[in-house]
Amino acid sequence: MRPAEEGAPLDVLAPGDWRAVGLAYLALAKPRIIELLLVTTIPAMFLAAGGFPDWQLVLWTLLGGTAAAGSANVFNSVLDADIDARMRRTRRRPMARDLVSPAKAIAFGAVLGVAATLVLGIGANWLSATLALVANLYYVFVYTMALKRRTAQNIVWGGIAGCFPPLIGWTAVTGQVAWPPLVLFAIVFAWTPPHTWALALRYREDYQNAHIPMLPVVAPPVTVAWRILAYSVLTVAVSLLLWPVANTGWLYPAVALLAGLAMLAEAVALLFRARRGLVDAELKPMRLFHLSNSYLAIVFIAAALDPLLF
């Protein structure tokens, strides 16, 4: 994931070009964010099935989940167009560059949302479809409209929307909610703040210019680093709960522990750099950001592989 270059391919294309239009609509859905969500959906399906889930069910769940996440991202792009235009990291996004009109973008988001509900409802079950719809509504109305511009706790509570994919994947297989997917939900919940705050540390001036009260904007780097470390510890602790709750074999806890130690080591290193008085890029927060991406993927892949081996 390379957030500093979002939308870059659109710069070399004429706005009236059909290919440019297609890329603009694709960029509205933020496919790189969707990739991360899918990483938490598929492993939950393997864990729920105790092995390989039905491939057709996986296909329908991924299609529906992709459309659902894309829909939420499109509405977010429309509502945050003014913010994106002020931030260096996001100023090349389609809405910030007027490549797509708000009306057309809203229509596109609505079509994706309806398609997601129908695909998940018919291809999987209506519980999964309902969960996806709830996640979308939460992301748009609670995070984007209510929290993002008002509180430094925006990503803590707003990040709940990104925790739903494991629940959707699990319920697609089983038709019901259980403790293991709730633990997976909690892992993503605890992981989201350190992941996002690391990015916000790197682009603190961007958020400041856009008047978004992300924690690194309203608090000194040392405070942010301490919070990142605290949530990283919580992430690792919660991840290990899956071992007894899902009754996994030794592979999952071993991988989760090793991956967690790596993430904690980088969080501690970030804190040391902050205490030395380093700021912005000198803090090297993107090291934690990229490591956290790998951490989440590794932990969830381990959860998927474990039932295949034990």
Protein backbone atom coordinates (compact mmCIF):
# COMPACT_ATOMS: atom_id res chain seq x y z
CA MET A 1 0.00 0.00 0.00
CA ARG A 2 1.48 3.34 -1.06
CA PRO A 3 -0.81 6.09 0.29
CA ALA A 4 1.35 8.98 -0.91
CA GLU A 5 0.68 8.02 -4.52
CA GLU A 6 -3.08 7.48 -4.47
CA GLY A 7 -4.60 8.47 -7.79
CA ALA A 8 -1.25 9.07 -9.46
CA PRO A 9 -2.06 7.14 -12.68
CA LEU A 10 -4.85 9.61 -13.49
CA ASP A 11 -2.35 12.41 -14.02
CA VAL A 12 -1.20 11.05 -17.38
CA LEU A 13 -4.70 10.65 -18.84
CA ALA A 14 -7.03 13.20 -20.37
CA PRO A 15 -10.21 13.68 -18.28
CA GLY A 16 -12.42 13.01 -21.32
CA ASP A 17 -10.70 9.73 -22.12
CA TRP A 18 -12.85 6.63 -21.49
CA ARG A 19 -9.92 4.95 -19.82
CA ALA A 20 -9.48 7.99 -17.56
CA VAL A 21 -13.18 7.89 -16.68
CA GLY A 22 -12.95 4.20 -15.81
CA LEU A 23 -9.87 4.75 -13.68
CA ALA A 24 -11.54 7.68 -11.96
CA TYR A 25 -14.53 5.57 -10.92
CA LEU A 26 -12.19 2.78 -9.83
CA ALA A 27 -10.18 5.24 -7.74
CA LEU A 28 -13.38 6.46 -6.07
CA ALA A 29 -13.81 2.96 -4.63
CA LYS A 30 -10.23 3.00 -3.21
CA PRO A 31 -9.24 -0.54 -4.23
CA ARG A 32 -6.10 -0.57 -2.09
CA ILE A 33 -8.19 -0.17 1.04
CA ILE A 34 -10.51 -2.94 -0.18
CA GLU A 35 -7.54 -5.30 -0.53
CA LEU A 36 -6.86 -4.96 3.18
CA LEU A 37 -10.49 -5.68 4.05
CA LEU A 38 -10.55 -8.83 1.95
CA VAL A 39 -7.45 -10.08 3.75
CA THR A 40 -9.58 -10.30 6.88
CA THR A 41 -12.62 -11.85 5.18
CA ILE A 42 -11.20 -14.97 3.53
CA PRO A 43 -9.30 -16.30 6.58
CA ALA A 44 -12.46 -15.98 8.67
CA MET A 45 -14.23 -18.20 6.13
CA PHE A 46 -11.50 -20.86 6.37
CA LEU A 47 -11.65 -20.74 10.15
CA ALA A 48 -15.44 -21.00 10.12
CA ALA A 49 -15.37 -23.95 7.71
CA GLY A 50 -12.59 -25.71 9.61
CA GLY A 51 -10.80 -26.06 6.28
CA PHE A 52 -11.58 -25.11 2.71
CA PRO A 53 -14.92 -23.28 2.35
CA ASP A 54 -17.03 -23.77 -0.76
CA TRP A 55 -15.27 -21.85 -3.54
CA GLN A 56 -18.52 -20.48 -4.96
CA LEU A 57 -19.45 -19.11 -1.55
CA VAL A 58 -16.03 -17.49 -1.29
CA LEU A 59 -16.46 -15.94 -4.73
CA TRP A 60 -19.89 -14.47 -3.95
CA THR A 61 -18.73 -13.22 -0.56
CA LEU A 62 -15.69 -11.53 -2.07
CA LEU A 63 -17.74 -9.95 -4.84
CA GLY A 64 -20.33 -8.69 -2.39
CA GLY A 65 -17.73 -7.54 0.11
CA THR A 66 -15.78 -5.71 -2.57
CA ALA A 67 -18.91 -3.93 -3.79
CA ALA A 68 -19.92 -3.05 -0.22
CA ALA A 69 -16.53 -1.61 0.67
CA GLY A 70 -16.36 0.20 -2.66
CA SER A 71 -19.76 1.76 -2.03
CA ALA A 72 -18.73 3.09 1.38
CA ASN A 73 -15.49 4.45 -0.06
CA VAL A 74 -17.32 6.22 -2.88
CA PHE A 75 -19.62 8.04 -0.44
CA ASN A 76 -16.60 8.87 1.70
CA SER A 77 -14.86 10.31 -1.38
CA VAL A 78 -17.83 12.59 -2.06
CA LEU A 79 -18.17 13.79 1.52
CA ASP A 80 -14.42 14.31 1.97
CA ALA A 81 -13.74 15.99 -1.39
CA ASP A 82 -12.85 19.29 0.31
CA ILE A 83 -10.47 17.52 2.68
CA ASP A 84 -8.81 15.55 -0.10
CA ALA A 85 -8.23 18.74 -2.09
CA ARG A 86 -6.26 20.27 0.81
CA MET A 87 -4.05 17.27 1.50
CA ARG A 88 -0.93 16.50 -0.51
CA ARG A 89 -1.47 12.78 0.00
CA THR A 90 -4.99 12.82 -1.45
CA ARG A 91 -5.21 15.86 -3.73
CA ARG A 92 -5.05 13.70 -6.87
CA ARG A 93 -8.17 11.72 -5.98
CA PRO A 94 -11.02 12.02 -8.51
CA MET A 95 -13.41 14.16 -6.47
CA ALA A 96 -10.64 16.57 -5.49
CA ARG A 97 -9.83 17.04 -9.20
CA ASP A 98 -13.47 17.23 -10.38
CA LEU A 99 -13.08 14.18 -12.59
CA VAL A 100 -16.48 12.86 -11.49
CA SER A 101 -19.50 14.97 -10.56
CA PRO A 102 -20.94 14.49 -7.04
CA ALA A 103 -24.28 13.34 -8.48
CA LYS A 104 -22.67 10.66 -10.64
CA ALA A 105 -20.43 9.54 -7.78
CA ILE A 106 -23.40 9.21 -5.43
CA ALA A 107 -25.29 7.21 -8.05
CA PHE A 108 -22.25 4.95 -8.49
CA GLY A 109 -21.98 4.43 -4.73
CA ALA A 110 -25.68 3.63 -4.47
CA VAL A 111 -25.50 1.08 -7.29
CA LEU A 112 -22.52 -0.61 -5.63
CA GLY A 113 -24.36 -0.67 -2.30
CA VAL A 114 -27.50 -2.25 -3.75
CA ALA A 115 -25.42 -4.75 -5.72
CA ALA A 116 -23.46 -5.68 -2.60
CA THR A 117 -26.61 -6.33 -0.59
CA LEU A 118 -28.15 -8.49 -3.30
CA VAL A 119 -24.96 -10.43 -4.04
CA LEU A 120 -24.31 -11.19 -0.37
CA GLY A 121 -27.94 -11.88 0.41
CA ILE A 122 -28.49 -14.26 -2.50
CA GLY A 123 -24.97 -15.68 -2.81
CA ALA A 124 -24.30 -16.12 0.92
CA ASN A 125 -27.12 -15.18 3.33
CA TRP A 126 -29.04 -12.14 4.47
CA LEU A 127 -27.22 -11.93 7.80
CA SER A 128 -23.95 -11.30 5.96
CA ALA A 129 -25.70 -8.81 3.70
CA THR A 130 -27.13 -6.98 6.71
CA LEU A 131 -23.75 -6.82 8.44
CA ALA A 132 -22.18 -5.34 5.30
CA LEU A 133 -24.94 -2.74 5.09
CA VAL A 134 -24.53 -1.83 8.76
CA ALA A 135 -20.77 -1.43 8.25
CA ASN A 136 -21.36 0.89 5.29
CA LEU A 137 -23.90 3.04 7.11
CA TYR A 138 -21.59 3.26 10.11
CA TYR A 139 -18.62 4.27 7.96
CA VAL A 140 -20.55 6.98 6.12
CA PHE A 141 -22.75 8.44 8.86
CA VAL A 142 -20.80 7.79 12.07
CA TYR A 143 -17.16 7.99 10.98
CA THR A 144 -17.19 10.27 7.94
CA MET A 145 -20.01 12.64 8.89
CA ALA A 146 -20.02 12.61 12.70
CA LEU A 147 -16.53 11.80 14.00
CA LYS A 148 -13.79 12.51 11.48
CA ARG A 149 -13.90 16.31 11.62
CA ARG A 150 -14.83 16.62 15.30
CA THR A 151 -12.70 14.46 17.56
CA ALA A 152 -9.22 12.98 17.90
CA GLN A 153 -10.96 9.73 18.77
CA ASN A 154 -12.31 9.60 15.20
CA ILE A 155 -10.34 6.59 14.05
CA VAL A 156 -10.74 4.68 17.33
CA TRP A 157 -14.53 4.50 17.09
CA GLY A 158 -14.88 5.21 13.40
CA GLY A 159 -12.57 2.31 12.63
CA ILE A 160 -15.28 -0.10 13.79
CA ALA A 161 -16.62 -0.14 10.23
CA GLY A 162 -13.43 -1.82 9.06
CA CYS A 163 -13.84 -4.58 11.65
CA PHE A 164 -16.91 -6.12 10.02
CA PRO A 165 -15.29 -8.21 7.23
CA PRO A 166 -14.35 -11.11 9.56
CA LEU A 167 -17.93 -11.20 10.80
CA ILE A 168 -19.23 -11.15 7.23
CA GLY A 169 -16.90 -13.95 6.18
CA TRP A 170 -17.76 -16.10 9.20
CA THR A 171 -21.52 -15.64 8.90
CA ALA A 172 -21.38 -16.34 5.16
CA VAL A 173 -20.18 -19.85 6.07
CA THR A 174 -22.09 -20.54 9.27
CA GLY A 175 -25.12 -18.27 9.11
CA GLN A 176 -24.57 -17.08 12.67
CA VAL A 177 -22.24 -14.97 14.82
CA ALA A 178 -19.90 -16.71 17.28
CA TRP A 179 -17.00 -15.84 19.57
CA PRO A 180 -14.12 -16.52 17.13
CA PRO A 181 -15.22 -13.87 14.58
CA LEU A 182 -15.83 -11.45 17.43
CA VAL A 183 -12.20 -11.94 18.48
CA LEU A 184 -11.13 -11.31 14.87
CA PHE A 185 -13.33 -8.21 14.95
CA ALA A 186 -11.54 -7.07 18.12
CA ILE A 187 -8.11 -7.66 16.58
CA VAL A 188 -8.90 -5.27 13.74
CA PHE A 189 -10.44 -2.79 16.20
CA ALA A 190 -7.29 -2.67 18.34
CA TRP A 191 -4.98 -2.68 15.29
CA THR A 192 -6.64 0.25 13.50
CA PRO A 193 -5.48 3.15 15.74
CA PRO A 194 -1.72 2.39 15.69
CA HIS A 195 -1.90 1.65 11.95
CA THR A 196 -3.70 4.92 11.19
CA TRP A 197 -1.86 7.11 13.68
CA ALA A 198 1.46 6.01 12.18
CA LEU A 199 0.25 7.26 8.79
CA ALA A 200 -1.08 10.46 10.38
CA LEU A 201 2.29 11.09 12.02
CA ARG A 202 3.94 11.04 8.60
CA TYR A 203 1.30 13.33 7.08
CA ARG A 204 0.56 15.44 10.16
CA GLU A 205 0.80 18.71 8.23
CA ASP A 206 -1.71 17.41 5.69
CA TYR A 207 -4.29 16.69 8.38
CA GLN A 208 -3.51 20.00 10.05
CA ASN A 209 -4.05 21.91 6.81
CA ALA A 210 -7.34 20.06 6.27
CA HIS A 211 -8.44 20.85 9.86
CA ILE A 212 -8.83 17.18 10.74
CA PRO A 213 -8.14 16.61 14.47
CA MET A 214 -6.21 13.38 14.09
CA LEU A 215 -4.30 12.54 17.26
CA PRO A 216 -0.88 13.57 15.82
CA VAL A 217 -2.37 17.02 15.06
CA VAL A 218 -3.63 17.68 18.59
CA ALA A 219 -1.00 15.81 20.63
CA PRO A 220 2.83 15.78 20.69
CA PRO A 221 4.67 12.87 19.03
CA VAL A 222 5.61 11.30 22.37
CA THR A 223 1.96 11.09 23.41
CA VAL A 224 1.02 9.61 20.04
CA ALA A 225 3.84 7.07 20.28
CA TRP A 226 2.70 5.99 23.74
CA ARG A 227 -0.86 5.53 22.45
CA ILE A 228 0.43 3.55 19.49
CA LEU A 229 2.40 1.29 21.82
CA ALA A 230 -0.60 0.81 24.12
CA TYR A 231 -2.90 -0.17 21.28
CA SER A 232 -0.20 -2.40 19.80
CA VAL A 233 0.04 -4.28 23.10
CA LEU A 234 -3.74 -4.59 23.11
CA THR A 235 -3.69 -5.87 19.53
CA VAL A 236 -1.21 -8.63 20.35
CA ALA A 237 -3.05 -9.59 23.54
CA VAL A 238 -6.40 -9.81 21.76
CA SER A 239 -4.88 -11.80 18.89
CA LEU A 240 -3.75 -14.49 21.32
CA LEU A 241 -7.32 -14.87 22.60
CA LEU A 242 -8.24 -16.59 19.37
CA TRP A 243 -6.10 -19.57 20.39
CA PRO A 244 -8.38 -20.77 23.23
CA VAL A 245 -11.61 -19.31 21.81
CA ALA A 246 -11.28 -21.01 18.41
CA ASN A 247 -9.33 -23.99 19.79
CA THR A 248 -6.60 -23.61 17.18
CA GLY A 249 -3.47 -25.70 16.90
CA TRP A 250 0.04 -24.44 17.67
CA LEU A 251 0.58 -22.67 14.33
CA TYR A 252 -1.71 -19.73 14.97
CA PRO A 253 -0.47 -18.72 18.45
CA ALA A 254 3.17 -19.17 17.38
CA VAL A 255 2.76 -16.95 14.33
CA ALA A 256 0.59 -14.41 16.17
CA LEU A 257 3.15 -14.13 18.96
CA LEU A 258 6.15 -13.72 16.64
CA ALA A 259 4.36 -11.22 14.42
CA GLY A 260 3.13 -9.38 17.49
CA LEU A 261 6.63 -9.12 18.94
CA ALA A 262 7.85 -7.61 15.68
CA MET A 263 5.07 -5.01 15.77
CA LEU A 264 5.74 -4.22 19.43
CA ALA A 265 9.46 -3.82 18.74
CA GLU A 266 8.75 -1.26 16.03
CA ALA A 267 6.26 0.56 18.28
CA VAL A 268 8.91 0.78 21.01
CA ALA A 269 11.47 2.02 18.47
CA LEU A 270 9.00 4.70 17.36
CA LEU A 271 8.56 5.79 20.99
CA PHE A 272 12.33 6.06 21.45
CA ARG A 273 12.61 8.22 18.33
CA ALA A 274 9.79 10.44 19.57
CA ARG A 275 11.45 10.86 22.97
CA ARG A 276 14.60 12.02 21.18
CA GLY A 277 12.60 14.95 19.85
CA LEU A 278 12.30 13.75 16.26
CA VAL A 279 9.21 14.84 14.33
CA ASP A 280 7.31 14.05 11.12
CA ALA A 281 9.38 12.07 8.57
CA GLU A 282 12.35 11.84 10.97
CA LEU A 283 10.21 9.67 13.22
CA LYS A 284 10.05 7.06 10.43
CA PRO A 285 6.42 6.22 11.31
CA MET A 286 5.86 4.60 7.93
CA ARG A 287 8.00 1.70 9.10
CA LEU A 288 5.29 0.88 11.62
CA PHE A 289 2.54 1.61 9.10
CA HIS A 290 3.89 -0.89 6.56
CA LEU A 291 4.78 -3.43 9.26
CA SER A 292 1.24 -3.23 10.63
CA ASN A 293 -0.12 -4.10 7.18
CA SER A 294 2.10 -7.18 7.10
CA TYR A 295 1.21 -8.04 10.68
CA LEU A 296 -2.52 -8.12 10.01
CA ALA A 297 -2.10 -10.20 6.86
CA ILE A 298 0.22 -12.69 8.56
CA VAL A 299 -2.00 -13.16 11.62
CA PHE A 300 -5.14 -13.70 9.55
CA ILE A 301 -3.38 -16.02 7.10
CA ALA A 302 -2.18 -18.06 10.08
CA ALA A 303 -5.80 -18.25 11.28
CA ALA A 304 -6.78 -19.58 7.85
CA LEU A 305 -3.97 -22.14 7.60
CA ASP A 306 -4.29 -23.50 11.12
CA PRO A 307 -7.48 -25.53 10.55
CA LEU A 308 -5.92 -27.03 7.42
CA LEU A 309 -3.07 -28.49 9.48
CA PHE A 310 -4.78 -29.47 12.74
